[in-house]
Amino acid sequence: MTCTRCEGLMVSEHLVDLHESFHPMWLRGYRCVSCGNIVDSLIQRHRMVQRSHLRPVAPPPPVKAALFDLIKLTA
């Protein structure tokens, strides 16, 4: 497995949840040996939720075409 930040080697590691915000106190995750990036199931879930709320930005519709259609309908 490679790191998403630096493409370094990720190793399996047991992580401790000191704040006890997630039921199991011990989590299994991955840590990059180069940059220290940590990934576990909770981090992956949060990233997936953030990505699902992002929408591609579409250019605004042309205003002149809408006005032209309105004038054409009223004539």
PDB file of N, CA and C in Angstrom:
ATOM      1  N   MET A   1       0.861  -1.172   0.000  1.00  0.00           N
ATOM      2  CA  MET A   1       0.000   0.000   0.000  1.00  0.00           C
ATOM      3  C   MET A   1       0.903   1.230   0.000  1.00  0.00           C
ATOM      4  N   THR A   2       0.516   2.245  -0.779  1.00  0.00           N
ATOM      5  CA  THR A   2       1.309   3.468  -0.845  1.00  0.00           C
ATOM      6  C   THR A   2       0.536   4.640  -0.250  1.00  0.00           C
ATOM      7  N   CYS A   3       1.267   5.600   0.254  1.00  0.00           N
ATOM      8  CA  CYS A   3       0.701   6.783   0.900  1.00  0.00           C
ATOM      9  C   CYS A   3       0.077   7.705  -0.148  1.00  0.00           C
ATOM     10  N   THR A   4      -1.068   8.286   0.184  1.00  0.00           N
ATOM     11  CA  THR A   4      -1.735   9.212  -0.731  1.00  0.00           C
ATOM     12  C   THR A   4      -1.055  10.576  -0.760  1.00  0.00           C
ATOM     13  N   ARG A   5      -0.274  10.894   0.253  1.00  0.00           N
ATOM     14  CA  ARG A   5       0.416  12.195   0.295  1.00  0.00           C
ATOM     15  C   ARG A   5       1.760  12.163  -0.414  1.00  0.00           C
ATOM     16  N   CYS A   6       2.595  11.167  -0.056  1.00  0.00           N
ATOM     17  CA  CYS A   6       3.967  11.166  -0.568  1.00  0.00           C
ATOM     18  C   CYS A   6       4.317   9.916  -1.364  1.00  0.00           C
ATOM     19  N   GLU A   7       3.373   8.993  -1.517  1.00  0.00           N
ATOM     20  CA  GLU A   7       3.569   7.721  -2.208  1.00  0.00           C
ATOM     21  C   GLU A   7       4.621   6.850  -1.529  1.00  0.00           C
ATOM     22  N   GLY A   8       4.805   7.055  -0.222  1.00  0.00           N
ATOM     23  CA  GLY A   8       5.728   6.236   0.560  1.00  0.00           C
ATOM     24  C   GLY A   8       5.074   4.930   0.989  1.00  0.00           C
ATOM     25  N   LEU A   9       5.824   4.118   1.690  1.00  0.00           N
ATOM     26  CA  LEU A   9       5.360   2.814   2.152  1.00  0.00           C
ATOM     27  C   LEU A   9       4.451   2.969   3.367  1.00  0.00           C
ATOM     28  N   MET A  10       3.280   2.332   3.327  1.00  0.00           N
ATOM     29  CA  MET A  10       2.343   2.320   4.453  1.00  0.00           C
ATOM     30  C   MET A  10       2.485   0.987   5.170  1.00  0.00           C
ATOM     31  N   VAL A  11       2.584   1.041   6.501  1.00  0.00           N
ATOM     32  CA  VAL A  11       2.690  -0.181   7.301  1.00  0.00           C
ATOM     33  C   VAL A  11       1.485  -0.272   8.227  1.00  0.00           C
ATOM     34  N   SER A  12       1.061  -1.503   8.499  1.00  0.00           N
ATOM     35  CA  SER A  12      -0.064  -1.740   9.398  1.00  0.00           C
ATOM     36  C   SER A  12       0.359  -1.423  10.826  1.00  0.00           C
ATOM     37  N   GLU A  13      -0.559  -0.802  11.568  1.00  0.00           N
ATOM     38  CA  GLU A  13      -0.228  -0.402  12.932  1.00  0.00           C
ATOM     39  C   GLU A  13      -1.486  -0.418  13.795  1.00  0.00           C
ATOM     40  N   HIS A  14      -1.320  -0.692  15.086  1.00  0.00           N
ATOM     41  CA  HIS A  14      -2.419  -0.609  16.045  1.00  0.00           C
ATOM     42  C   HIS A  14      -2.424   0.803  16.620  1.00  0.00           C
ATOM     43  N   LEU A  15      -3.569   1.470  16.528  1.00  0.00           N
ATOM     44  CA  LEU A  15      -3.693   2.857  16.972  1.00  0.00           C
ATOM     45  C   LEU A  15      -4.583   2.920  18.202  1.00  0.00           C
ATOM     46  N   VAL A  16      -4.295   3.854  19.096  1.00  0.00           N
ATOM     47  CA  VAL A  16      -5.070   4.030  20.323  1.00  0.00           C
ATOM     48  C   VAL A  16      -5.930   5.279  20.186  1.00  0.00           C
ATOM     49  N   ASP A  17      -7.215   5.153  20.508  1.00  0.00           N
ATOM     50  CA  ASP A  17      -8.132   6.292  20.520  1.00  0.00           C
ATOM     51  C   ASP A  17      -8.148   6.848  21.941  1.00  0.00           C
ATOM     52  N   LEU A  18      -7.375   7.881  22.203  1.00  0.00           N
ATOM     53  CA  LEU A  18      -7.258   8.434  23.556  1.00  0.00           C
ATOM     54  C   LEU A  18      -8.511   9.181  23.995  1.00  0.00           C
ATOM     55  N   HIS A  19      -9.260   9.715  23.048  1.00  0.00           N
ATOM     56  CA  HIS A  19     -10.475  10.459  23.392  1.00  0.00           C
ATOM     57  C   HIS A  19     -11.690   9.551  23.498  1.00  0.00           C
ATOM     58  N   GLU A  20     -11.538   8.306  23.146  1.00  0.00           N
ATOM     59  CA  GLU A  20     -12.619   7.322  23.184  1.00  0.00           C
ATOM     60  C   GLU A  20     -13.851   7.816  22.428  1.00  0.00           C
ATOM     61  N   SER A  21     -13.625   8.453  21.288  1.00  0.00           N
ATOM     62  CA  SER A  21     -14.737   8.953  20.489  1.00  0.00           C
ATOM     63  C   SER A  21     -15.336   7.869  19.607  1.00  0.00           C
ATOM     64  N   PHE A  22     -14.646   6.783  19.455  1.00  0.00           N
ATOM     65  CA  PHE A  22     -15.101   5.666  18.638  1.00  0.00           C
ATOM     66  C   PHE A  22     -15.112   4.453  19.547  1.00  0.00           C
ATOM     67  N   HIS A  23     -16.095   3.577  19.457  1.00  0.00           N
ATOM     68  CA  HIS A  23     -16.258   2.492  20.428  1.00  0.00           C
ATOM     69  C   HIS A  23     -15.000   1.677  20.704  1.00  0.00           C
ATOM     70  N   PRO A  24     -14.384   1.036  19.714  1.00  0.00           N
ATOM     71  CA  PRO A  24     -13.180   0.283  20.076  1.00  0.00           C
ATOM     72  C   PRO A  24     -12.041   1.247  20.396  1.00  0.00           C
ATOM     73  N   MET A  25     -11.400   1.041  21.527  1.00  0.00           N
ATOM     74  CA  MET A  25     -10.308   1.927  21.915  1.00  0.00           C
ATOM     75  C   MET A  25      -9.075   1.686  21.050  1.00  0.00           C
ATOM     76  N   TRP A  26      -8.875   0.464  20.627  1.00  0.00           N
ATOM     77  CA  TRP A  26      -7.754   0.135  19.755  1.00  0.00           C
ATOM     78  C   TRP A  26      -8.265   0.007  18.330  1.00  0.00           C
ATOM     79  N   LEU A  27      -7.626   0.694  17.429  1.00  0.00           N
ATOM     80  CA  LEU A  27      -7.993   0.631  16.019  1.00  0.00           C
ATOM     81  C   LEU A  27      -6.815   0.098  15.217  1.00  0.00           C
ATOM     82  N   ARG A  28      -7.124  -0.572  14.147  1.00  0.00           N
ATOM     83  CA  ARG A  28      -6.068  -0.993  13.237  1.00  0.00           C
ATOM     84  C   ARG A  28      -6.066  -0.025  12.066  1.00  0.00           C
ATOM     85  N   GLY A  29      -4.913   0.508  11.748  1.00  0.00           N
ATOM     86  CA  GLY A  29      -4.795   1.463  10.658  1.00  0.00           C
ATOM     87  C   GLY A  29      -3.472   1.312   9.957  1.00  0.00           C
ATOM     88  N   TYR A  30      -3.155   2.291   9.130  1.00  0.00           N
ATOM     89  CA  TYR A  30      -1.898   2.294   8.393  1.00  0.00           C
ATOM     90  C   TYR A  30      -1.193   3.620   8.627  1.00  0.00           C
ATOM     91  N   ARG A  31       0.139   3.548   8.718  1.00  0.00           N
ATOM     92  CA  ARG A  31       0.967   4.741   8.919  1.00  0.00           C
ATOM     93  C   ARG A  31       2.064   4.742   7.874  1.00  0.00           C
ATOM     94  N   CYS A  32       2.311   5.909   7.286  1.00  0.00           N
ATOM     95  CA  CYS A  32       3.375   6.050   6.295  1.00  0.00           C
ATOM     96  C   CYS A  32       4.709   6.166   7.017  1.00  0.00           C
ATOM     97  N   VAL A  33       5.693   5.378   6.589  1.00  0.00           N
ATOM     98  CA  VAL A  33       7.000   5.428   7.237  1.00  0.00           C
ATOM     99  C   VAL A  33       7.784   6.668   6.818  1.00  0.00           C
ATOM    100  N   SER A  34       7.384   7.327   5.730  1.00  0.00           N
ATOM    101  CA  SER A  34       8.104   8.515   5.263  1.00  0.00           C
ATOM    102  C   SER A  34       7.576   9.810   5.873  1.00  0.00           C
ATOM    103  N   CYS A  35       6.253  10.035   5.764  1.00  0.00           N
ATOM    104  CA  CYS A  35       5.705  11.325   6.210  1.00  0.00           C
ATOM    105  C   CYS A  35       4.848  11.224   7.467  1.00  0.00           C
ATOM    106  N   GLY A  36       4.503  10.005   7.908  1.00  0.00           N
ATOM    107  CA  GLY A  36       3.718   9.843   9.126  1.00  0.00           C
ATOM    108  C   GLY A  36       2.216   9.929   8.932  1.00  0.00           C
ATOM    109  N   ASN A  37       1.749  10.011   7.692  1.00  0.00           N
ATOM    110  CA  ASN A  37       0.314  10.055   7.403  1.00  0.00           C
ATOM    111  C   ASN A  37      -0.362   8.810   7.970  1.00  0.00           C
ATOM    112  N   ILE A  38      -1.485   8.998   8.669  1.00  0.00           N
ATOM    113  CA  ILE A  38      -2.212   7.885   9.277  1.00  0.00           C
ATOM    114  C   ILE A  38      -3.573   7.759   8.612  1.00  0.00           C
ATOM    115  N   VAL A  39      -3.945   6.530   8.279  1.00  0.00           N
ATOM    116  CA  VAL A  39      -5.241   6.240   7.678  1.00  0.00           C
ATOM    117  C   VAL A  39      -5.848   5.064   8.421  1.00  0.00           C
ATOM    118  N   ASP A  40      -7.103   5.227   8.853  1.00  0.00           N
ATOM    119  CA  ASP A  40      -7.846   4.120   9.457  1.00  0.00           C
ATOM    120  C   ASP A  40      -9.270   4.166   8.916  1.00  0.00           C
ATOM    121  N   SER A  41     -10.119   3.268   9.374  1.00  0.00           N
ATOM    122  CA  SER A  41     -11.479   3.183   8.832  1.00  0.00           C
ATOM    123  C   SER A  41     -12.286   4.454   9.091  1.00  0.00           C
ATOM    124  N   LEU A  42     -12.107   5.091  10.236  1.00  0.00           N
ATOM    125  CA  LEU A  42     -12.847   6.308  10.554  1.00  0.00           C
ATOM    126  C   LEU A  42     -12.399   7.472   9.669  1.00  0.00           C
ATOM    127  N   ILE A  43     -11.102   7.602   9.464  1.00  0.00           N
ATOM    128  CA  ILE A  43     -10.576   8.659   8.594  1.00  0.00           C
ATOM    129  C   ILE A  43     -11.086   8.456   7.173  1.00  0.00           C
ATOM    130  N   GLN A  44     -11.061   7.215   6.686  1.00  0.00           N
ATOM    131  CA  GLN A  44     -11.556   6.937   5.339  1.00  0.00           C
ATOM    132  C   GLN A  44     -13.039   7.260   5.214  1.00  0.00           C
ATOM    133  N   ARG A  45     -13.826   6.939   6.226  1.00  0.00           N
ATOM    134  CA  ARG A  45     -15.262   7.230   6.203  1.00  0.00           C
ATOM    135  C   ARG A  45     -15.501   8.737   6.131  1.00  0.00           C
ATOM    136  N   HIS A  46     -14.779   9.519   6.923  1.00  0.00           N
ATOM    137  CA  HIS A  46     -14.938  10.980   6.898  1.00  0.00           C
ATOM    138  C   HIS A  46     -14.554  11.552   5.537  1.00  0.00           C
ATOM    139  N   ARG A  47     -13.491  11.031   4.941  1.00  0.00           N
ATOM    140  CA  ARG A  47     -13.075  11.523   3.624  1.00  0.00           C
ATOM    141  C   ARG A  47     -14.116  11.197   2.562  1.00  0.00           C
ATOM    142  N   MET A  48     -14.727  10.021   2.647  1.00  0.00           N
ATOM    143  CA  MET A  48     -15.761   9.655   1.682  1.00  0.00           C
ATOM    144  C   MET A  48     -16.983  10.557   1.821  1.00  0.00           C
ATOM    145  N   VAL A  49     -17.356  10.897   3.049  1.00  0.00           N
ATOM    146  CA  VAL A  49     -18.497  11.788   3.273  1.00  0.00           C
ATOM    147  C   VAL A  49     -18.197  13.170   2.712  1.00  0.00           C
ATOM    148  N   GLN A  50     -16.988  13.660   2.936  1.00  0.00           N
ATOM    149  CA  GLN A  50     -16.622  14.980   2.422  1.00  0.00           C
ATOM    150  C   GLN A  50     -16.650  14.998   0.900  1.00  0.00           C
ATOM    151  N   ARG A  51     -16.157  13.944   0.275  1.00  0.00           N
ATOM    152  CA  ARG A  51     -16.146  13.893  -1.190  1.00  0.00           C
ATOM    153  C   ARG A  51     -17.550  13.790  -1.759  1.00  0.00           C
ATOM    154  N   SER A  52     -18.453  13.121  -1.064  1.00  0.00           N
ATOM    155  CA  SER A  52     -19.806  12.950  -1.585  1.00  0.00           C
ATOM    156  C   SER A  52     -20.587  14.257  -1.575  1.00  0.00           C
ATOM    157  N   HIS A  53     -20.222  15.202  -0.731  1.00  0.00           N
ATOM    158  CA  HIS A  53     -20.923  16.484  -0.670  1.00  0.00           C
ATOM    159  C   HIS A  53     -20.375  17.489  -1.674  1.00  0.00           C
ATOM    160  N   LEU A  54     -19.244  17.197  -2.279  1.00  0.00           N
ATOM    161  CA  LEU A  54     -18.680  18.102  -3.270  1.00  0.00           C
ATOM    162  C   LEU A  54     -19.398  17.906  -4.595  1.00  0.00           C
ATOM    163  N   ARG A  55     -19.759  18.978  -5.216  1.00  0.00           N
ATOM    164  CA  ARG A  55     -20.419  18.911  -6.509  1.00  0.00           C
ATOM    165  C   ARG A  55     -19.587  19.685  -7.514  1.00  0.00           C
ATOM    166  N   PRO A  56     -19.546  19.219  -8.751  1.00  0.00           N
ATOM    167  CA  PRO A  56     -18.796  19.976  -9.753  1.00  0.00           C
ATOM    168  C   PRO A  56     -19.469  21.320 -10.012  1.00  0.00           C
ATOM    169  N   VAL A  57     -18.666  22.320 -10.168  1.00  0.00           N
ATOM    170  CA  VAL A  57     -19.192  23.661 -10.407  1.00  0.00           C
ATOM    171  C   VAL A  57     -19.475  23.800 -11.898  1.00  0.00           C
ATOM    172  N   ALA A  58     -20.719  24.042 -12.236  1.00  0.00           N
ATOM    173  CA  ALA A  58     -21.117  24.218 -13.631  1.00  0.00           C
ATOM    174  C   ALA A  58     -21.126  25.703 -13.960  1.00  0.00           C
ATOM    175  N   PRO A  59     -20.808  26.042 -15.191  1.00  0.00           N
ATOM    176  CA  PRO A  59     -20.869  27.462 -15.555  1.00  0.00           C
ATOM    177  C   PRO A  59     -22.317  27.941 -15.525  1.00  0.00           C
ATOM    178  N   PRO A  60     -22.535  29.207 -15.195  1.00  0.00           N
ATOM    179  CA  PRO A  60     -23.913  29.720 -15.136  1.00  0.00           C
ATOM    180  C   PRO A  60     -24.543  29.691 -16.526  1.00  0.00           C
ATOM    181  N   PRO A  61     -25.855  29.492 -16.606  1.00  0.00           N
ATOM    182  CA  PRO A  61     -26.514  29.466 -17.919  1.00  0.00           C
ATOM    183  C   PRO A  61     -26.451  30.846 -18.563  1.00  0.00           C
ATOM    184  N   PRO A  62     -26.388  30.881 -19.867  1.00  0.00           N
ATOM    185  CA  PRO A  62     -26.317  32.188 -20.532  1.00  0.00           C
ATOM    186  C   PRO A  62     -27.610  32.976 -20.329  1.00  0.00           C
ATOM    187  N   VAL A  63     -27.472  34.223 -19.926  1.00  0.00           N
ATOM    188  CA  VAL A  63     -28.629  35.065 -19.627  1.00  0.00           C
ATOM    189  C   VAL A  63     -29.308  35.523 -20.910  1.00  0.00           C
ATOM    190  N   LYS A  64     -28.543  35.845 -21.944  1.00  0.00           N
ATOM    191  CA  LYS A  64     -29.120  36.358 -23.188  1.00  0.00           C
ATOM    192  C   LYS A  64     -30.037  35.327 -23.837  1.00  0.00           C
ATOM    193  N   ALA A  65     -29.678  34.076 -23.790  1.00  0.00           N
ATOM    194  CA  ALA A  65     -30.524  33.043 -24.402  1.00  0.00           C
ATOM    195  C   ALA A  65     -31.867  32.969 -23.685  1.00  0.00           C
ATOM    196  N   ALA A  66     -31.863  33.082 -22.380  1.00  0.00           N
ATOM    197  CA  ALA A  66     -33.115  33.026 -21.623  1.00  0.00           C
ATOM    198  C   ALA A  66     -33.982  34.246 -21.932  1.00  0.00           C
ATOM    199  N   LEU A  67     -33.381  35.429 -22.032  1.00  0.00           N
ATOM    200  CA  LEU A  67     -34.145  36.633 -22.363  1.00  0.00           C
ATOM    201  C   LEU A  67     -34.686  36.561 -23.780  1.00  0.00           C
ATOM    202  N   PHE A  68     -33.890  36.034 -24.702  1.00  0.00           N
ATOM    203  CA  PHE A  68     -34.329  35.900 -26.083  1.00  0.00           C
ATOM    204  C   PHE A  68     -35.535  34.972 -26.171  1.00  0.00           C
ATOM    205  N   ASP A  69     -35.504  33.852 -25.442  1.00  0.00           N
ATOM    206  CA  ASP A  69     -36.633  32.920 -25.438  1.00  0.00           C
ATOM    207  C   ASP A  69     -37.877  33.582 -24.855  1.00  0.00           C
ATOM    208  N   LEU A  70     -37.717  34.393 -23.830  1.00  0.00           N
ATOM    209  CA  LEU A  70     -38.850  35.078 -23.212  1.00  0.00           C
ATOM    210  C   LEU A  70     -39.467  36.083 -24.179  1.00  0.00           C
ATOM    211  N   ILE A  71     -38.638  36.837 -24.882  1.00  0.00           N
ATOM    212  CA  ILE A  71     -39.139  37.817 -25.855  1.00  0.00           C
ATOM    213  C   ILE A  71     -39.847  37.099 -26.995  1.00  0.00           C
ATOM    214  N   LYS A  72     -39.289  35.969 -27.430  1.00  0.00           N
ATOM    215  CA  LYS A  72     -39.882  35.206 -28.525  1.00  0.00           C
ATOM    216  C   LYS A  72     -41.263  34.672 -28.135  1.00  0.00           C
ATOM    217  N   LEU A  73     -41.425  34.270 -26.879  1.00  0.00           N
ATOM    218  CA  LEU A  73     -42.707  33.744 -26.424  1.00  0.00           C
ATOM    219  C   LEU A  73     -43.768  34.834 -26.313  1.00  0.00           C
ATOM    220  N   THR A  74     -43.379  36.061 -25.984  1.00  0.00           N
ATOM    221  CA  THR A  74     -44.357  37.137 -25.806  1.00  0.00           C
ATOM    222  C   THR A  74     -44.739  37.803 -27.120  1.00  0.00           C
ATOM    223  N   ALA A  75     -43.978  37.608 -28.182  1.00  0.00           N
ATOM    224  CA  ALA A  75     -44.260  38.285 -29.458  1.00  0.00           C
ATOM    225  C   ALA A  75     -45.352  37.620 -30.242  1.00  0.00           C
TER     226      ALA A  75
END
